[in-house]
Structures are given as structure tokens and as C-alpha cells.
Amino acid sequence: MEIKKITRLSILLSLSIVLSIVESLIPIFNGIIPGLKIGLANIAIMIALYAYGIKEAVFVSIARIFIVGILRTGLFNITFFFSISGAIFSLIAMFIFKKIKIFSIIGVSIIGSIFHTIGQILIAILFVKNANILYYLPVLILFAVPTGLLIGYISKKSLTNFLEKK
């Protein structure tokens, strides 16, 4: 891997870590709707996916989860498993929908946001051992669509600048 690519992926990883930590400090939805976040760190993931590919997006996403786990939330606790399951589901969905070219980057971001939510609900069912958590899914998806739209829009604008400097 060339040094320029490693440097740019390191910048994206750093950006995703900072955005993740900053977002966790903003009490927008704390207490109102548990688990609800805007997903600012996903801007860096979307840029990695579109500028480089799925391997690089997986690297940035998974490395961010581990580093933020070490720095902030802890490793191998429920928050870690929510993050990792959401990331895996969203990365797979985004890769598929990007590959089949049905949606723009904004649509792919919305799909990623929805599948991130699905991954988190599934892991919650495993932890709590109660399928009634599925009733919470429509509420979370209601918020996943506009947050995915926002992240997709920001990613689209940022990707243009990122690619011009590539």
C-alpha cells in the first residue's frame, strides 16, 4: 500500500475517532431515545468506501470502534457489541447497494443507517433475550432515515473535496 493512501486512511480514521467522541459528548438525545445518535463518524466511513473501497471502509470502521472502545466506552461491553454489530450490518448493506448502483451516496448512507439500526436491535435481542425489543425498531428507523440523509449529504460534499486532493 502506498504511503499517500496509508496517510489518507489514517486521517479518515482519526476524523472518525474525533467525530465519534465529540458526538458522544453532545447530549442531544440522551435519555429521550436510548441508543439514538446522528452517526457523524460515518462521514469518514462513507468517504473511505467511495474513495477506496470496502476493505478500507471496514478497516476505518472497525479500527474506530476498537480505539473509541479503548479510549471511552470500554472493550467487549454492551456498547462495544452494539457498535460492532451495527457497523458490520451497515458495511455489508452499503457495499451491496453501492455495488449494484441503485442509489447515490446519499441513498447508500440511508441504507447504512437503517441496517446499522437493525444490527443493533438484533444484538440487543441476544443480550436481553427478549424479542419484544423489535417493537423499538420502527422508532429507531424513523430517526435512521433523516440521520442517514444528513450523513450522506455531508459525505457527498466532503468526498468531492477529498477526491480533488487525492
N, C-alpha and C. Protein backbone atom coordinates (compact mmCIF):
# COMPACT_ATOMS: atom_id res chain seq x y z
N MET A 1 0.85 -1.17 0.00
CA MET A 1 0.00 0.00 0.00
C MET A 1 0.90 1.24 0.00
N GLU A 2 0.57 2.18 -0.84
CA GLU A 2 1.40 3.38 -0.95
C GLU A 2 1.24 4.28 0.27
N ILE A 3 2.25 5.07 0.54
CA ILE A 3 2.29 5.91 1.74
C ILE A 3 1.18 6.96 1.73
N LYS A 4 0.85 7.50 0.56
CA LYS A 4 -0.20 8.51 0.47
C LYS A 4 -1.55 7.92 0.88
N LYS A 5 -1.83 6.71 0.45
CA LYS A 5 -3.08 6.05 0.80
C LYS A 5 -3.14 5.75 2.30
N ILE A 6 -2.03 5.26 2.85
CA ILE A 6 -1.97 4.98 4.29
C ILE A 6 -2.20 6.27 5.09
N THR A 7 -1.59 7.34 4.64
CA THR A 7 -1.74 8.62 5.32
C THR A 7 -3.19 9.09 5.28
N ARG A 8 -3.81 8.99 4.12
CA ARG A 8 -5.19 9.45 3.97
C ARG A 8 -6.17 8.58 4.78
N LEU A 9 -5.91 7.29 4.79
CA LEU A 9 -6.77 6.40 5.61
C LEU A 9 -6.56 6.69 7.10
N SER A 10 -5.34 7.01 7.49
CA SER A 10 -5.07 7.39 8.88
C SER A 10 -5.81 8.67 9.26
N ILE A 11 -5.85 9.60 8.34
CA ILE A 11 -6.60 10.85 8.57
C ILE A 11 -8.09 10.55 8.70
N LEU A 12 -8.61 9.69 7.84
CA LEU A 12 -10.03 9.31 7.94
C LEU A 12 -10.32 8.60 9.26
N LEU A 13 -9.42 7.71 9.67
CA LEU A 13 -9.58 7.02 10.95
C LEU A 13 -9.58 8.03 12.10
N SER A 14 -8.62 8.95 12.08
CA SER A 14 -8.55 9.97 13.12
C SER A 14 -9.81 10.82 13.14
N LEU A 15 -10.28 11.21 11.99
CA LEU A 15 -11.50 12.00 11.88
C LEU A 15 -12.69 11.24 12.46
N SER A 16 -12.79 9.96 12.13
CA SER A 16 -13.91 9.16 12.63
C SER A 16 -13.86 9.02 14.16
N ILE A 17 -12.66 8.90 14.71
CA ILE A 17 -12.50 8.79 16.17
C ILE A 17 -12.92 10.10 16.84
N VAL A 18 -12.42 11.20 16.33
CA VAL A 18 -12.75 12.51 16.91
C VAL A 18 -14.25 12.77 16.81
N LEU A 19 -14.84 12.52 15.65
CA LEU A 19 -16.28 12.75 15.47
C LEU A 19 -17.10 11.86 16.41
N SER A 20 -16.66 10.64 16.58
CA SER A 20 -17.36 9.71 17.47
C SER A 20 -17.32 10.19 18.92
N ILE A 21 -16.16 10.61 19.36
CA ILE A 21 -16.01 11.08 20.75
C ILE A 21 -16.77 12.39 20.95
N VAL A 22 -16.64 13.32 20.01
CA VAL A 22 -17.36 14.59 20.12
C VAL A 22 -18.87 14.35 20.16
N GLU A 23 -19.34 13.48 19.30
CA GLU A 23 -20.78 13.20 19.27
C GLU A 23 -21.26 12.58 20.59
N SER A 24 -20.44 11.76 21.20
CA SER A 24 -20.84 11.14 22.46
C SER A 24 -20.93 12.16 23.59
N LEU A 25 -20.32 13.32 23.41
CA LEU A 25 -20.35 14.37 24.42
C LEU A 25 -21.52 15.34 24.24
N ILE A 26 -22.21 15.24 23.11
CA ILE A 26 -23.34 16.12 22.82
C ILE A 26 -24.61 15.46 23.33
N PRO A 27 -25.26 16.06 24.30
CA PRO A 27 -26.44 15.41 24.91
C PRO A 27 -27.75 15.67 24.15
N ILE A 28 -27.75 15.49 22.83
CA ILE A 28 -28.94 15.79 22.03
C ILE A 28 -30.10 14.88 22.41
N PHE A 29 -29.87 13.61 22.34
CA PHE A 29 -30.97 12.66 22.55
C PHE A 29 -30.82 11.85 23.84
N ASN A 30 -29.79 12.14 24.62
CA ASN A 30 -29.54 11.35 25.83
C ASN A 30 -30.78 11.29 26.71
N GLY A 31 -31.18 10.09 27.05
CA GLY A 31 -32.31 9.89 27.94
C GLY A 31 -33.66 9.87 27.24
N ILE A 32 -33.78 10.54 26.11
CA ILE A 32 -35.06 10.58 25.40
C ILE A 32 -35.27 9.27 24.64
N ILE A 33 -34.31 8.96 23.78
CA ILE A 33 -34.37 7.72 23.00
C ILE A 33 -33.03 7.03 23.13
N PRO A 34 -32.93 5.99 23.95
CA PRO A 34 -31.65 5.30 24.16
C PRO A 34 -31.06 4.77 22.85
N GLY A 35 -29.77 4.98 22.70
CA GLY A 35 -29.05 4.45 21.54
C GLY A 35 -29.11 5.33 20.31
N LEU A 36 -29.85 6.40 20.35
CA LEU A 36 -30.00 7.25 19.18
C LEU A 36 -28.81 8.20 19.05
N LYS A 37 -28.17 8.16 17.87
CA LYS A 37 -27.05 9.04 17.57
C LYS A 37 -27.16 9.48 16.12
N ILE A 38 -26.51 10.57 15.82
CA ILE A 38 -26.51 11.07 14.44
C ILE A 38 -25.61 10.20 13.57
N GLY A 39 -24.48 9.79 14.09
CA GLY A 39 -23.55 8.95 13.33
C GLY A 39 -22.51 9.74 12.56
N LEU A 40 -22.03 10.82 13.15
CA LEU A 40 -21.06 11.68 12.47
C LEU A 40 -19.81 10.94 12.00
N ALA A 41 -19.37 9.95 12.76
CA ALA A 41 -18.17 9.19 12.38
C ALA A 41 -18.35 8.48 11.05
N ASN A 42 -19.59 8.25 10.68
CA ASN A 42 -19.85 7.54 9.41
C ASN A 42 -19.53 8.38 8.19
N ILE A 43 -19.31 9.68 8.36
CA ILE A 43 -18.86 10.50 7.24
C ILE A 43 -17.51 9.96 6.74
N ALA A 44 -16.61 9.69 7.67
CA ALA A 44 -15.29 9.16 7.29
C ALA A 44 -15.41 7.77 6.68
N ILE A 45 -16.36 6.97 7.17
CA ILE A 45 -16.55 5.62 6.63
C ILE A 45 -17.05 5.70 5.19
N MET A 46 -18.00 6.60 4.95
CA MET A 46 -18.55 6.77 3.60
C MET A 46 -17.45 7.25 2.63
N ILE A 47 -16.63 8.17 3.09
CA ILE A 47 -15.54 8.67 2.24
C ILE A 47 -14.57 7.52 1.92
N ALA A 48 -14.23 6.72 2.93
CA ALA A 48 -13.33 5.58 2.69
C ALA A 48 -13.96 4.59 1.70
N LEU A 49 -15.25 4.32 1.87
CA LEU A 49 -15.94 3.38 0.97
C LEU A 49 -15.93 3.87 -0.47
N TYR A 50 -16.23 5.14 -0.66
CA TYR A 50 -16.33 5.67 -2.03
C TYR A 50 -14.99 6.06 -2.63
N ALA A 51 -14.04 6.47 -1.82
CA ALA A 51 -12.73 6.86 -2.36
C ALA A 51 -11.83 5.65 -2.59
N TYR A 52 -11.99 4.61 -1.74
CA TYR A 52 -11.08 3.46 -1.83
C TYR A 52 -11.81 2.13 -2.04
N GLY A 53 -12.72 1.78 -1.18
CA GLY A 53 -13.42 0.50 -1.32
C GLY A 53 -13.82 -0.08 0.02
N ILE A 54 -14.39 -1.28 -0.04
CA ILE A 54 -14.95 -1.90 1.16
C ILE A 54 -13.87 -2.28 2.17
N LYS A 55 -12.73 -2.79 1.72
CA LYS A 55 -11.68 -3.19 2.67
C LYS A 55 -11.22 -2.01 3.51
N GLU A 56 -11.03 -0.88 2.86
CA GLU A 56 -10.58 0.32 3.56
C GLU A 56 -11.67 0.86 4.50
N ALA A 57 -12.92 0.80 4.05
CA ALA A 57 -14.04 1.25 4.90
C ALA A 57 -14.17 0.35 6.13
N VAL A 58 -14.00 -0.95 5.94
CA VAL A 58 -14.05 -1.89 7.08
C VAL A 58 -12.91 -1.57 8.04
N PHE A 59 -11.71 -1.35 7.51
CA PHE A 59 -10.57 -1.01 8.36
C PHE A 59 -10.86 0.22 9.21
N VAL A 60 -11.31 1.31 8.57
CA VAL A 60 -11.56 2.56 9.29
C VAL A 60 -12.67 2.35 10.33
N SER A 61 -13.72 1.67 9.95
CA SER A 61 -14.86 1.47 10.85
C SER A 61 -14.51 0.61 12.06
N ILE A 62 -13.91 -0.53 11.81
CA ILE A 62 -13.59 -1.46 12.91
C ILE A 62 -12.47 -0.90 13.80
N ALA A 63 -11.47 -0.29 13.19
CA ALA A 63 -10.39 0.32 13.99
C ALA A 63 -10.96 1.43 14.87
N ARG A 64 -11.88 2.22 14.34
CA ARG A 64 -12.51 3.28 15.14
C ARG A 64 -13.23 2.70 16.34
N ILE A 65 -13.98 1.65 16.13
CA ILE A 65 -14.74 1.04 17.22
C ILE A 65 -13.80 0.54 18.32
N PHE A 66 -12.72 -0.10 17.94
CA PHE A 66 -11.76 -0.58 18.94
C PHE A 66 -11.08 0.58 19.67
N ILE A 67 -10.65 1.59 18.92
CA ILE A 67 -9.94 2.72 19.54
C ILE A 67 -10.86 3.52 20.46
N VAL A 68 -12.08 3.80 19.99
CA VAL A 68 -13.03 4.52 20.85
C VAL A 68 -13.39 3.65 22.06
N GLY A 69 -13.46 2.34 21.86
CA GLY A 69 -13.69 1.44 22.98
C GLY A 69 -12.60 1.54 24.02
N ILE A 70 -11.36 1.58 23.56
CA ILE A 70 -10.22 1.70 24.47
C ILE A 70 -10.23 3.06 25.18
N LEU A 71 -10.49 4.10 24.42
CA LEU A 71 -10.42 5.47 24.97
C LEU A 71 -11.63 5.88 25.80
N ARG A 72 -12.80 5.37 25.44
CA ARG A 72 -14.00 5.97 26.01
C ARG A 72 -14.98 4.99 26.65
N THR A 73 -15.40 3.98 25.92
CA THR A 73 -16.53 3.16 26.37
C THR A 73 -16.13 1.82 26.96
N GLY A 74 -14.95 1.36 26.68
CA GLY A 74 -14.52 0.04 27.13
C GLY A 74 -14.66 -1.00 26.03
N LEU A 75 -13.83 -2.01 26.11
CA LEU A 75 -13.88 -3.09 25.11
C LEU A 75 -14.75 -4.24 25.61
N PHE A 76 -15.43 -4.85 24.68
CA PHE A 76 -16.20 -6.07 24.90
C PHE A 76 -17.31 -5.90 25.94
N ASN A 77 -17.87 -4.69 26.01
CA ASN A 77 -19.07 -4.48 26.81
C ASN A 77 -20.25 -4.33 25.85
N ILE A 78 -21.41 -4.04 26.37
CA ILE A 78 -22.60 -3.98 25.51
C ILE A 78 -22.49 -2.87 24.46
N THR A 79 -21.92 -1.73 24.83
CA THR A 79 -21.75 -0.63 23.87
C THR A 79 -20.85 -1.05 22.72
N PHE A 80 -19.78 -1.75 23.04
CA PHE A 80 -18.87 -2.25 22.02
C PHE A 80 -19.61 -3.19 21.06
N PHE A 81 -20.39 -4.11 21.60
CA PHE A 81 -21.10 -5.06 20.75
C PHE A 81 -22.19 -4.39 19.92
N PHE A 82 -22.85 -3.37 20.47
CA PHE A 82 -23.81 -2.60 19.68
C PHE A 82 -23.10 -1.94 18.50
N SER A 83 -21.96 -1.33 18.78
CA SER A 83 -21.21 -0.63 17.73
C SER A 83 -20.73 -1.59 16.65
N ILE A 84 -20.16 -2.69 17.05
CA ILE A 84 -19.58 -3.62 16.08
C ILE A 84 -20.67 -4.30 15.24
N SER A 85 -21.78 -4.67 15.86
CA SER A 85 -22.85 -5.32 15.09
C SER A 85 -23.49 -4.32 14.13
N GLY A 86 -23.72 -3.10 14.58
CA GLY A 86 -24.27 -2.08 13.69
C GLY A 86 -23.34 -1.80 12.53
N ALA A 87 -22.04 -1.71 12.82
CA ALA A 87 -21.06 -1.44 11.77
C ALA A 87 -21.02 -2.57 10.74
N ILE A 88 -21.01 -3.80 11.19
CA ILE A 88 -20.94 -4.93 10.26
C ILE A 88 -22.18 -4.96 9.35
N PHE A 89 -23.35 -4.82 9.95
CA PHE A 89 -24.58 -4.83 9.15
C PHE A 89 -24.60 -3.68 8.15
N SER A 90 -24.22 -2.48 8.61
CA SER A 90 -24.28 -1.32 7.71
C SER A 90 -23.23 -1.42 6.61
N LEU A 91 -22.03 -1.89 6.93
CA LEU A 91 -21.00 -2.02 5.91
C LEU A 91 -21.39 -3.02 4.82
N ILE A 92 -21.96 -4.14 5.23
CA ILE A 92 -22.40 -5.14 4.24
C ILE A 92 -23.48 -4.55 3.34
N ALA A 93 -24.48 -3.90 3.94
CA ALA A 93 -25.57 -3.32 3.16
C ALA A 93 -25.07 -2.21 2.24
N MET A 94 -24.20 -1.34 2.76
CA MET A 94 -23.70 -0.24 1.94
C MET A 94 -22.86 -0.77 0.77
N PHE A 95 -22.06 -1.78 1.04
CA PHE A 95 -21.25 -2.38 -0.02
C PHE A 95 -22.14 -2.94 -1.13
N ILE A 96 -23.18 -3.68 -0.74
CA ILE A 96 -24.08 -4.28 -1.73
C ILE A 96 -24.79 -3.20 -2.55
N PHE A 97 -25.37 -2.21 -1.87
CA PHE A 97 -26.13 -1.19 -2.59
C PHE A 97 -25.24 -0.25 -3.40
N LYS A 98 -24.01 -0.05 -2.96
CA LYS A 98 -23.07 0.73 -3.77
C LYS A 98 -22.70 -0.05 -5.02
N LYS A 99 -22.49 -1.35 -4.84
CA LYS A 99 -22.07 -2.22 -5.93
C LYS A 99 -23.14 -2.34 -7.02
N ILE A 100 -24.41 -2.45 -6.62
CA ILE A 100 -25.47 -2.62 -7.62
C ILE A 100 -25.98 -1.30 -8.18
N LYS A 101 -25.44 -0.20 -7.65
CA LYS A 101 -25.67 1.15 -8.19
C LYS A 101 -27.14 1.53 -8.32
N ILE A 102 -27.92 1.17 -7.31
CA ILE A 102 -29.33 1.56 -7.29
C ILE A 102 -29.48 2.97 -6.74
N PHE A 103 -28.65 3.31 -5.74
CA PHE A 103 -28.78 4.58 -5.05
C PHE A 103 -27.50 5.40 -5.16
N SER A 104 -27.65 6.70 -4.94
CA SER A 104 -26.50 7.59 -4.85
C SER A 104 -25.83 7.37 -3.49
N ILE A 105 -24.78 8.12 -3.23
CA ILE A 105 -24.10 8.03 -1.94
C ILE A 105 -25.07 8.38 -0.79
N ILE A 106 -25.99 9.28 -1.05
CA ILE A 106 -26.97 9.64 -0.02
C ILE A 106 -27.90 8.47 0.27
N GLY A 107 -28.38 7.80 -0.77
CA GLY A 107 -29.23 6.62 -0.58
C GLY A 107 -28.49 5.49 0.11
N VAL A 108 -27.23 5.30 -0.26
CA VAL A 108 -26.41 4.26 0.38
C VAL A 108 -26.21 4.58 1.85
N SER A 109 -26.05 5.85 2.17
CA SER A 109 -25.91 6.26 3.57
C SER A 109 -27.19 5.97 4.36
N ILE A 110 -28.33 6.24 3.77
CA ILE A 110 -29.61 5.95 4.43
C ILE A 110 -29.74 4.45 4.66
N ILE A 111 -29.41 3.65 3.66
CA ILE A 111 -29.44 2.18 3.80
C ILE A 111 -28.50 1.76 4.93
N GLY A 112 -27.30 2.33 4.97
CA GLY A 112 -26.34 2.01 6.03
C GLY A 112 -26.89 2.35 7.40
N SER A 113 -27.55 3.48 7.51
CA SER A 113 -28.12 3.90 8.79
C SER A 113 -29.23 2.94 9.24
N ILE A 114 -30.05 2.54 8.31
CA ILE A 114 -31.14 1.60 8.63
C ILE A 114 -30.57 0.25 9.07
N PHE A 115 -29.59 -0.24 8.32
CA PHE A 115 -29.02 -1.55 8.65
C PHE A 115 -28.17 -1.51 9.92
N HIS A 116 -27.59 -0.36 10.22
CA HIS A 116 -26.88 -0.19 11.49
C HIS A 116 -27.87 -0.40 12.63
N THR A 117 -29.03 0.20 12.49
CA THR A 117 -30.10 0.07 13.49
C THR A 117 -30.55 -1.38 13.63
N ILE A 118 -30.72 -2.06 12.51
CA ILE A 118 -31.14 -3.46 12.54
C ILE A 118 -30.09 -4.31 13.26
N GLY A 119 -28.82 -4.09 12.96
CA GLY A 119 -27.75 -4.82 13.63
C GLY A 119 -27.76 -4.60 15.12
N GLN A 120 -28.01 -3.38 15.55
CA GLN A 120 -28.05 -3.08 16.98
C GLN A 120 -29.25 -3.73 17.66
N ILE A 121 -30.39 -3.72 17.00
CA ILE A 121 -31.58 -4.35 17.58
C ILE A 121 -31.36 -5.85 17.72
N LEU A 122 -30.76 -6.47 16.72
CA LEU A 122 -30.51 -7.91 16.79
C LEU A 122 -29.57 -8.26 17.95
N ILE A 123 -28.53 -7.46 18.15
CA ILE A 123 -27.61 -7.74 19.26
C ILE A 123 -28.30 -7.47 20.59
N ALA A 124 -29.18 -6.48 20.63
CA ALA A 124 -29.94 -6.20 21.86
C ALA A 124 -30.84 -7.38 22.21
N ILE A 125 -31.45 -7.99 21.21
CA ILE A 125 -32.29 -9.17 21.45
C ILE A 125 -31.45 -10.30 22.05
N LEU A 126 -30.23 -10.48 21.54
CA LEU A 126 -29.35 -11.52 22.08
C LEU A 126 -28.95 -11.24 23.52
N PHE A 127 -28.64 -9.97 23.82
CA PHE A 127 -28.22 -9.62 25.18
C PHE A 127 -29.36 -9.69 26.17
N VAL A 128 -30.51 -9.15 25.79
CA VAL A 128 -31.65 -9.07 26.70
C VAL A 128 -32.48 -10.36 26.70
N LYS A 129 -32.33 -11.13 25.64
CA LYS A 129 -33.08 -12.39 25.48
C LYS A 129 -34.59 -12.14 25.49
N ASN A 130 -34.97 -11.10 24.71
CA ASN A 130 -36.38 -10.74 24.62
C ASN A 130 -36.63 -10.13 23.23
N ALA A 131 -37.43 -10.81 22.43
CA ALA A 131 -37.71 -10.36 21.07
C ALA A 131 -38.62 -9.14 21.02
N ASN A 132 -39.21 -8.76 22.14
CA ASN A 132 -40.08 -7.58 22.16
C ASN A 132 -39.32 -6.30 21.84
N ILE A 133 -38.01 -6.34 21.88
CA ILE A 133 -37.20 -5.18 21.51
C ILE A 133 -37.44 -4.82 20.05
N LEU A 134 -37.90 -5.77 19.26
CA LEU A 134 -38.22 -5.48 17.86
C LEU A 134 -39.23 -4.36 17.72
N TYR A 135 -40.08 -4.16 18.71
CA TYR A 135 -41.07 -3.08 18.65
C TYR A 135 -40.41 -1.70 18.66
N TYR A 136 -39.19 -1.65 19.10
CA TYR A 136 -38.42 -0.42 19.15
C TYR A 136 -37.83 -0.06 17.78
N LEU A 137 -37.75 -1.05 16.89
CA LEU A 137 -37.12 -0.87 15.58
C LEU A 137 -37.77 0.23 14.74
N PRO A 138 -39.09 0.29 14.61
CA PRO A 138 -39.69 1.37 13.80
C PRO A 138 -39.35 2.77 14.31
N VAL A 139 -39.27 2.93 15.62
CA VAL A 139 -38.91 4.24 16.19
C VAL A 139 -37.49 4.61 15.78
N LEU A 140 -36.58 3.66 15.89
CA LEU A 140 -35.19 3.93 15.52
C LEU A 140 -35.05 4.17 14.02
N ILE A 141 -35.78 3.42 13.21
CA ILE A 141 -35.71 3.61 11.75
C ILE A 141 -36.26 4.98 11.37
N LEU A 142 -37.27 5.43 12.10
CA LEU A 142 -37.82 6.76 11.87
C LEU A 142 -36.73 7.84 11.98
N PHE A 143 -35.78 7.63 12.87
CA PHE A 143 -34.66 8.55 13.02
C PHE A 143 -33.48 8.19 12.13
N ALA A 144 -33.37 6.92 11.75
CA ALA A 144 -32.25 6.48 10.91
C ALA A 144 -32.31 7.11 9.52
N VAL A 145 -33.50 7.31 9.01
CA VAL A 145 -33.63 7.86 7.66
C VAL A 145 -33.11 9.31 7.58
N PRO A 146 -33.58 10.23 8.43
CA PRO A 146 -33.04 11.59 8.31
C PRO A 146 -31.56 11.71 8.70
N THR A 147 -31.11 10.91 9.68
CA THR A 147 -29.69 10.98 10.02
C THR A 147 -28.84 10.40 8.89
N GLY A 148 -29.31 9.33 8.26
CA GLY A 148 -28.61 8.77 7.11
C GLY A 148 -28.57 9.76 5.95
N LEU A 149 -29.67 10.49 5.77
CA LEU A 149 -29.74 11.53 4.74
C LEU A 149 -28.71 12.63 5.02
N LEU A 150 -28.66 13.09 6.26
CA LEU A 150 -27.71 14.13 6.65
C LEU A 150 -26.26 13.68 6.45
N ILE A 151 -25.95 12.48 6.93
CA ILE A 151 -24.58 11.95 6.81
C ILE A 151 -24.23 11.74 5.34
N GLY A 152 -25.19 11.25 4.56
CA GLY A 152 -24.96 11.06 3.13
C GLY A 152 -24.69 12.37 2.41
N TYR A 153 -25.44 13.40 2.75
CA TYR A 153 -25.26 14.71 2.13
C TYR A 153 -23.88 15.29 2.48
N ILE A 154 -23.53 15.25 3.75
CA ILE A 154 -22.21 15.75 4.18
C ILE A 154 -21.10 14.93 3.52
N SER A 155 -21.29 13.61 3.45
CA SER A 155 -20.29 12.73 2.84
C SER A 155 -20.11 13.05 1.36
N LYS A 156 -21.21 13.30 0.68
CA LYS A 156 -21.15 13.63 -0.75
C LYS A 156 -20.33 14.91 -0.97
N LYS A 157 -20.62 15.93 -0.17
CA LYS A 157 -19.89 17.19 -0.29
C LYS A 157 -18.41 17.02 0.09
N SER A 158 -18.16 16.26 1.15
CA SER A 158 -16.79 16.05 1.61
C SER A 158 -16.00 15.18 0.64
N LEU A 159 -16.66 14.20 0.04
CA LEU A 159 -15.99 13.30 -0.90
C LEU A 159 -15.48 14.06 -2.11
N THR A 160 -16.25 15.01 -2.58
CA THR A 160 -15.82 15.83 -3.72
C THR A 160 -14.49 16.52 -3.39
N ASN A 161 -14.40 17.12 -2.23
CA ASN A 161 -13.15 17.78 -1.81
C ASN A 161 -12.03 16.77 -1.61
N PHE A 162 -12.35 15.62 -1.03
CA PHE A 162 -11.36 14.59 -0.76
C PHE A 162 -10.76 14.07 -2.08
N LEU A 163 -11.62 13.83 -3.06
CA LEU A 163 -11.16 13.29 -4.34
C LEU A 163 -10.36 14.32 -5.14
N GLU A 164 -10.71 15.61 -5.00
CA GLU A 164 -9.96 16.65 -5.71
C GLU A 164 -8.53 16.72 -5.22
N LYS A 165 -8.30 16.41 -3.97
CA LYS A 165 -6.96 16.49 -3.38
C LYS A 165 -6.22 15.15 -3.45
N LYS A 166 -6.89 14.13 -3.93
CA LYS A 166 -6.33 12.78 -3.96
C LYS A 166 -5.15 12.64 -4.89
